[in-house]
Amino acid sequence: MASPAVEEPPPAVLLFRRRLDAAFDAALRQRYRVLDFFASGEPLQDFLAGAAALPDPPRAAVVVGGFAARVDAAFLDAAPSLAFVFSTGAGVDHIDLRECARRGVAVANSGTVYSADVADHAVGMLIDVLRRVSAAERFVRSGLWPAQGEYPLGSKLGGKRVGIIGLGNIGSLIAKRLEAFGCVIYYYSRKQKDPVSYKYFSSVHDLAAESDVLVVACALNKDTQHIVNKDVIEALGKDGIIINIGRGANIDEVELVRALKEGRIAGAGLDVFENEPKVPAELFSMDNVVMTNHVAVFTSESRSDLRDHTIANLEAFFSGKPLLTLVLPW
């Protein structure tokens, strides 16, 4: 008589995401043995050591851009079975890609899941800053309208020269949206895009000098850290607006705050900050600054799409199929 088949345990996955909605959490746990770092309450090294000591150690990890540690050599040393890292954001600045490539660890990301939502958020922030929407709302809500009369006028969006730093998927969607408002689009990228009709600048400084608005939509790496620095801010000028939906460290935050305080630029819309969740206190009282808490990517639709996209990439990895949004092969 044949022995009954022994059911293999589901694959194990390390989870490093603090904000996980119930449907996403349930979808993961229905398919995998989830080891949740934030739920464990353990120091990172203890958590990884415990996972590595399991009879069937995790081969995949789901990480988030806001994760408090980098996936680097030390991380991978502590989790030697890992062969796949999935980033729930498009950015992979929290992952040492060179080290992953050296070890044959595959990396995938969220791809274009968030792109349309981030583009919408960028345009919304720009309209808010130019038309003083949030500031005027506070003016009305505080009861100042009857006492002080009209609120200072804003500025129209149509006709503005908008320089986009990083004409990737998100940058291109921002450009298309702003074209519909009658804006003139310029861009900076590592190399000129073909075929793109927008005017290309090989220097961020020169882009800023010709623009009324700078939109930061690039990834963060050693070449783009503080890509918007004091010289770029000066080139943009006192009537200029900066919108950042990239990464906080794309901008020299100290110089940005100083320029806003001194009136050397007109305003800013910031979804990201250099030392999140810490935000420079000087910005809190500035009516020409619109801030959100790194939520450009989040809508109910994008959360659902991310859940499906994450599961699809994990399923592809564990079944030996091509990853959907490959950053590094294994």
Protein backbone atom coordinates (compact mmCIF):
# COMPACT_ATOMS: atom_id res chain seq x y z
CA MET A 1 0.00 0.00 0.00
CA ALA A 2 1.40 3.34 -1.04
CA SER A 3 2.19 5.86 1.66
CA PRO A 4 -0.03 8.94 1.66
CA ALA A 5 1.52 11.94 -0.04
CA VAL A 6 3.04 14.42 2.34
CA GLU A 7 1.84 17.91 1.58
CA GLU A 8 4.73 20.33 1.23
CA PRO A 9 4.56 23.45 3.36
CA PRO A 10 3.90 26.70 1.49
CA PRO A 11 6.93 28.79 0.59
CA ALA A 12 8.09 31.20 3.26
CA VAL A 13 8.23 34.94 2.63
CA LEU A 14 9.83 37.64 4.73
CA LEU A 15 7.60 40.72 4.98
CA PHE A 16 8.97 44.19 5.67
CA ARG A 17 5.96 46.43 5.18
CA ARG A 18 4.40 48.31 8.06
CA ARG A 19 1.22 49.53 6.37
CA LEU A 20 -0.45 46.44 4.92
CA ASP A 21 -4.20 46.45 4.39
CA ALA A 22 -6.24 43.46 5.47
CA ALA A 23 -6.93 42.17 1.94
CA PHE A 24 -3.22 42.31 1.02
CA ASP A 25 -2.24 40.55 4.26
CA ALA A 26 -4.86 37.85 3.73
CA ALA A 27 -3.80 37.26 0.12
CA LEU A 28 -0.19 36.72 1.18
CA ARG A 29 -1.06 34.42 4.07
CA GLN A 30 -3.38 32.30 1.93
CA ARG A 31 -0.44 31.41 -0.29
CA TYR A 32 2.70 31.70 1.84
CA ARG A 33 4.14 31.24 5.30
CA VAL A 34 4.61 34.93 6.14
CA LEU A 35 7.27 36.02 8.60
CA ASP A 36 6.39 39.61 9.48
CA PHE A 37 9.32 41.71 10.70
CA PHE A 38 7.29 44.59 12.16
CA ALA A 39 4.81 42.25 13.86
CA SER A 40 7.68 40.29 15.42
CA GLY A 41 9.01 43.25 17.40
CA GLU A 42 12.51 41.79 17.11
CA PRO A 43 15.70 43.62 16.14
CA LEU A 44 16.45 43.07 12.47
CA GLN A 45 19.44 40.79 12.96
CA ASP A 46 17.55 38.58 15.43
CA PHE A 47 14.59 38.36 13.06
CA LEU A 48 16.79 37.40 10.11
CA ALA A 49 18.76 34.90 12.18
CA GLY A 50 15.56 33.21 13.30
CA ALA A 51 14.26 33.05 9.73
CA ALA A 52 17.57 31.64 8.46
CA ALA A 53 17.51 28.88 11.11
CA LEU A 54 14.16 27.48 9.97
CA PRO A 55 14.17 24.04 8.30
CA ASP A 56 12.61 25.64 5.22
CA PRO A 57 14.06 29.20 5.28
CA PRO A 58 12.41 31.96 3.26
CA ARG A 59 13.58 32.35 -0.33
CA ALA A 60 11.79 35.64 -1.00
CA ALA A 61 11.34 38.97 0.75
CA VAL A 62 8.78 41.71 0.20
CA VAL A 63 10.23 45.07 1.17
CA VAL A 64 9.05 48.66 1.09
CA GLY A 65 10.90 51.87 0.26
CA GLY A 66 10.35 53.23 3.75
CA PHE A 67 11.89 50.13 5.34
CA ALA A 68 14.27 51.13 8.12
CA ALA A 69 17.21 49.08 6.79
CA ARG A 70 18.85 48.51 3.43
CA VAL A 71 18.90 45.19 1.63
CA ASP A 72 22.69 45.12 1.42
CA ALA A 73 25.57 42.70 1.99
CA ALA A 74 24.95 42.46 5.74
CA PHE A 75 21.23 41.83 5.20
CA LEU A 76 21.90 39.14 2.61
CA ASP A 77 24.61 37.54 4.77
CA ALA A 78 22.02 37.16 7.53
CA ALA A 79 19.44 35.69 5.11
CA PRO A 80 21.57 33.49 2.82
CA SER A 81 18.61 31.57 1.37
CA LEU A 82 17.04 34.68 -0.17
CA ALA A 83 16.95 34.50 -3.95
CA PHE A 84 14.31 37.16 -4.66
CA VAL A 85 13.55 40.63 -3.32
CA PHE A 86 10.37 42.43 -4.31
CA SER A 87 10.06 46.17 -3.68
CA THR A 88 6.54 47.46 -3.19
CA GLY A 89 7.65 50.80 -4.63
CA ALA A 90 9.09 51.73 -8.01
CA GLY A 91 12.23 53.08 -6.32
CA VAL A 92 14.96 50.62 -5.37
CA ASP A 93 17.38 52.99 -3.63
CA HIS A 94 16.92 50.90 -0.46
CA ILE A 95 18.30 47.83 -2.24
CA ASP A 96 21.98 47.33 -3.05
CA LEU A 97 21.50 46.23 -6.65
CA ARG A 98 25.18 45.60 -7.24
CA GLU A 99 25.37 43.24 -4.27
CA CYS A 100 22.17 41.48 -5.30
CA ALA A 101 23.54 41.02 -8.82
CA ARG A 102 26.81 39.64 -7.45
CA ARG A 103 24.92 37.03 -5.43
CA GLY A 104 22.40 36.20 -8.13
CA VAL A 105 19.47 37.58 -6.12
CA ALA A 106 16.57 38.60 -8.36
CA VAL A 107 14.93 41.98 -7.79
CA ALA A 108 11.55 43.21 -9.04
CA ASN A 109 9.50 46.29 -8.21
CA SER A 110 6.01 47.74 -8.46
CA GLY A 111 6.56 48.81 -12.07
CA THR A 112 3.86 51.17 -13.28
CA VAL A 113 1.28 50.26 -10.62
CA TYR A 114 1.47 53.72 -9.02
CA SER A 115 2.41 55.84 -12.02
CA ALA A 116 -0.95 57.40 -12.88
CA ASP A 117 -1.75 58.13 -9.22
CA VAL A 118 1.61 59.81 -8.63
CA ALA A 119 1.21 61.89 -11.79
CA ASP A 120 -2.26 63.00 -10.67
CA HIS A 121 -0.89 63.93 -7.25
CA ALA A 122 1.95 65.97 -8.75
CA VAL A 123 -0.45 67.97 -10.92
CA GLY A 124 -2.84 68.42 -8.00
CA MET A 125 -0.07 69.78 -5.79
CA LEU A 126 1.05 72.18 -8.51
CA ILE A 127 -2.48 73.53 -8.96
CA ASP A 128 -2.80 73.84 -5.19
CA VAL A 129 0.43 75.84 -4.86
CA LEU A 130 -0.27 78.10 -7.83
CA ARG A 131 -3.94 78.78 -7.04
CA ARG A 132 -3.40 78.79 -3.23
CA VAL A 133 -6.19 76.25 -2.77
CA SER A 134 -5.16 74.87 0.63
CA ALA A 135 -4.13 78.29 1.93
CA ALA A 136 -7.42 79.88 0.82
CA GLU A 137 -9.35 77.01 2.39
CA ARG A 138 -7.61 77.67 5.71
CA PHE A 139 -8.39 81.38 5.29
CA VAL A 140 -12.10 80.64 4.89
CA ARG A 141 -12.22 77.95 7.58
CA SER A 142 -10.57 80.23 10.14
CA GLY A 143 -13.29 82.85 9.66
CA LEU A 144 -10.92 85.49 8.27
CA TRP A 145 -12.84 86.14 5.04
CA PRO A 146 -15.48 88.50 6.55
CA ALA A 147 -12.85 90.36 8.57
CA GLN A 148 -10.03 90.68 6.05
CA GLY A 149 -11.79 90.51 2.71
CA GLU A 150 -10.22 89.04 -0.38
CA TYR A 151 -7.35 86.58 -0.23
CA PRO A 152 -4.17 87.26 -2.30
CA LEU A 153 -4.48 86.14 -5.90
CA GLY A 154 -2.91 82.96 -7.15
CA SER A 155 -1.31 82.27 -10.52
CA LYS A 156 -2.70 80.40 -13.53
CA LEU A 157 -1.30 77.06 -14.63
CA GLY A 158 -1.81 77.47 -18.37
CA GLY A 159 1.26 78.72 -20.20
CA LYS A 160 3.70 77.82 -17.44
CA ARG A 161 7.05 76.40 -18.54
CA VAL A 162 7.40 73.15 -16.62
CA GLY A 163 10.77 71.45 -16.36
CA ILE A 164 10.52 67.77 -15.44
CA ILE A 165 13.55 66.08 -13.89
CA GLY A 166 13.25 62.46 -14.96
CA LEU A 167 11.07 61.72 -17.98
CA GLY A 168 10.39 58.09 -17.12
CA ASN A 169 6.94 56.58 -16.85
CA ILE A 170 5.74 58.94 -14.13
CA GLY A 171 7.43 62.00 -15.62
CA SER A 172 5.88 61.28 -19.02
CA LEU A 173 2.40 60.98 -17.50
CA ILE A 174 2.89 64.28 -15.67
CA ALA A 175 3.95 65.90 -18.94
CA LYS A 176 0.85 64.64 -20.77
CA ARG A 177 -1.44 65.93 -18.05
CA LEU A 178 0.20 69.35 -17.99
CA GLU A 179 0.13 69.61 -21.79
CA ALA A 180 -3.66 69.44 -21.51
CA PHE A 181 -3.52 72.55 -19.30
CA GLY A 182 -1.54 74.42 -21.95
CA CYS A 183 1.85 74.16 -20.26
CA VAL A 184 5.14 74.12 -22.16
CA ILE A 185 7.12 71.02 -21.23
CA TYR A 186 10.88 70.80 -20.88
CA TYR A 187 12.84 67.92 -19.40
CA TYR A 188 16.15 66.66 -18.08
CA SER A 189 17.18 63.02 -18.21
CA ARG A 190 20.44 61.09 -18.33
CA LYS A 191 20.07 61.03 -22.10
CA GLN A 192 17.69 62.49 -24.64
CA LYS A 193 14.49 60.51 -25.16
CA ASP A 194 13.53 59.46 -28.67
CA PRO A 195 11.00 60.23 -29.98
CA VAL A 196 10.01 63.02 -27.60
CA SER A 197 8.98 66.46 -28.80
CA TYR A 198 9.68 68.24 -25.50
CA LYS A 199 12.81 70.37 -25.33
CA TYR A 200 15.69 68.47 -23.75
CA PHE A 201 18.25 69.95 -21.36
CA SER A 202 21.47 68.12 -20.52
CA SER A 203 21.88 70.25 -17.37
CA VAL A 204 19.42 70.58 -14.49
CA HIS A 205 20.74 74.09 -13.85
CA ASP A 206 19.91 75.14 -17.43
CA LEU A 207 16.51 73.44 -17.19
CA ALA A 208 15.72 75.42 -14.04
CA ALA A 209 16.85 78.70 -15.61
CA GLU A 210 14.32 78.27 -18.43
CA SER A 211 11.43 76.97 -16.29
CA ASP A 212 8.70 78.45 -14.12
CA VAL A 213 8.16 75.11 -12.38
CA LEU A 214 10.49 72.21 -11.58
CA VAL A 215 8.92 68.80 -11.05
CA VAL A 216 11.21 66.19 -9.49
CA ALA A 217 10.22 62.76 -10.80
CA CYS A 218 13.52 60.89 -10.88
CA ALA A 219 14.81 57.91 -8.92
CA LEU A 220 17.23 58.42 -6.04
CA ASN A 221 20.81 57.28 -6.55
CA LYS A 222 24.30 58.69 -6.10
CA ASP A 223 23.88 60.83 -9.22
CA THR A 224 20.49 62.28 -8.27
CA GLN A 225 20.99 62.93 -4.57
CA HIS A 226 20.61 66.70 -4.13
CA ILE A 227 20.18 67.06 -7.88
CA VAL A 228 18.17 70.16 -6.92
CA ASN A 229 20.80 72.12 -5.00
CA LYS A 230 21.40 75.77 -4.16
CA ASP A 231 22.57 76.64 -7.68
CA VAL A 232 19.53 75.01 -9.27
CA ILE A 233 17.18 76.80 -6.86
CA GLU A 234 18.87 80.11 -7.65
CA ALA A 235 18.51 79.43 -11.38
CA LEU A 236 14.78 78.75 -10.95
CA GLY A 237 14.35 82.15 -9.36
CA LYS A 238 11.98 84.00 -7.07
CA ASP A 239 8.86 83.23 -9.11
CA GLY A 240 9.65 79.53 -9.40
CA ILE A 241 7.77 76.57 -7.95
CA ILE A 242 9.23 73.17 -7.00
CA ILE A 243 7.15 69.99 -6.87
CA ASN A 244 8.74 66.82 -5.48
CA ILE A 245 7.11 63.41 -5.85
CA GLY A 246 10.43 61.59 -6.25
CA ARG A 247 12.49 61.12 -3.12
CA GLY A 248 13.18 63.66 -0.39
CA ALA A 249 16.94 63.46 -0.87
CA ASN A 250 16.61 64.48 -4.53
CA ILE A 251 16.50 68.03 -3.10
CA ASP A 252 18.92 69.69 -0.74
CA GLU A 253 16.23 70.27 1.87
CA VAL A 254 18.25 72.75 3.94
CA GLU A 255 18.75 74.96 0.87
CA LEU A 256 15.11 74.62 -0.14
CA VAL A 257 13.84 75.71 3.27
CA ARG A 258 16.28 78.62 3.29
CA ALA A 259 15.19 79.75 -0.18
CA LEU A 260 11.51 79.59 0.80
CA LYS A 261 12.13 81.57 3.99
CA GLU A 262 14.08 84.22 2.11
CA GLY A 263 11.60 84.47 -0.77
CA ARG A 264 14.11 83.26 -3.35
CA ILE A 265 11.48 80.89 -4.76
CA ALA A 266 7.71 81.32 -4.78
CA GLY A 267 6.54 78.01 -3.36
CA ALA A 268 6.75 74.24 -3.21
CA GLY A 269 4.62 71.12 -3.22
CA LEU A 270 6.30 68.31 -1.31
CA ASP A 271 5.11 64.74 -0.91
CA VAL A 272 8.54 63.48 0.20
CA PHE A 273 11.15 64.71 2.65
CA GLU A 274 14.81 64.04 3.29
CA ASN A 275 14.40 62.60 6.81
CA GLU A 276 10.89 61.17 6.84
CA PRO A 277 8.75 61.28 8.84
CA LYS A 278 10.55 64.36 10.17
CA VAL A 279 9.59 67.54 8.34
CA PRO A 280 11.40 70.87 8.78
CA ALA A 281 9.34 72.86 11.29
CA GLU A 282 9.88 76.08 9.32
CA LEU A 283 7.59 74.75 6.57
CA PHE A 284 4.56 74.42 8.84
CA SER A 285 3.76 78.12 8.83
CA MET A 286 4.36 78.71 5.10
CA ASP A 287 1.16 79.22 3.15
CA ASN A 288 3.07 78.87 -0.12
CA VAL A 289 4.06 75.27 0.70
CA VAL A 290 1.73 72.30 0.25
CA MET A 291 2.78 69.09 1.99
CA THR A 292 1.53 65.52 2.03
CA ASN A 293 2.90 62.53 3.92
CA HIS A 294 4.44 60.45 1.10
CA VAL A 295 1.01 59.40 -0.11
CA ALA A 296 1.19 60.22 -3.82
CA VAL A 297 1.23 56.50 -4.57
CA PHE A 298 -1.73 55.56 -2.40
CA THR A 299 -5.29 55.26 -3.63
CA SER A 300 -7.74 52.45 -2.95
CA GLU A 301 -7.24 51.35 -6.54
CA SER A 302 -3.44 51.36 -6.35
CA ARG A 303 -3.50 49.30 -3.14
CA SER A 304 -5.58 46.65 -4.89
CA ASP A 305 -3.36 46.74 -7.97
CA LEU A 306 -0.22 46.45 -5.83
CA ARG A 307 -1.62 43.42 -4.03
CA ASP A 308 -2.31 41.63 -7.30
CA HIS A 309 1.03 42.69 -8.78
CA THR A 310 3.00 41.54 -5.74
CA ILE A 311 1.29 38.14 -5.67
CA ALA A 312 1.84 37.72 -9.42
CA ASN A 313 5.57 38.39 -9.07
CA LEU A 314 5.88 35.99 -6.13
CA GLU A 315 3.93 33.31 -7.98
CA ALA A 316 6.20 33.76 -11.00
CA PHE A 317 9.31 33.46 -8.85
CA PHE A 318 8.22 30.34 -6.97
CA SER A 319 7.10 28.63 -10.20
CA GLY A 320 10.29 29.48 -12.08
CA LYS A 321 8.58 31.81 -14.56
CA PRO A 322 9.80 35.26 -15.72
CA LEU A 323 9.18 38.07 -13.24
CA LEU A 324 6.65 40.68 -14.33
CA THR A 325 8.65 43.79 -13.47
CA LEU A 326 12.22 42.62 -13.44
CA VAL A 327 14.95 44.94 -12.15
CA LEU A 328 17.63 42.24 -11.80
CA PRO A 329 17.46 38.66 -13.07
CA TRP A 330 18.72 35.68 -11.15
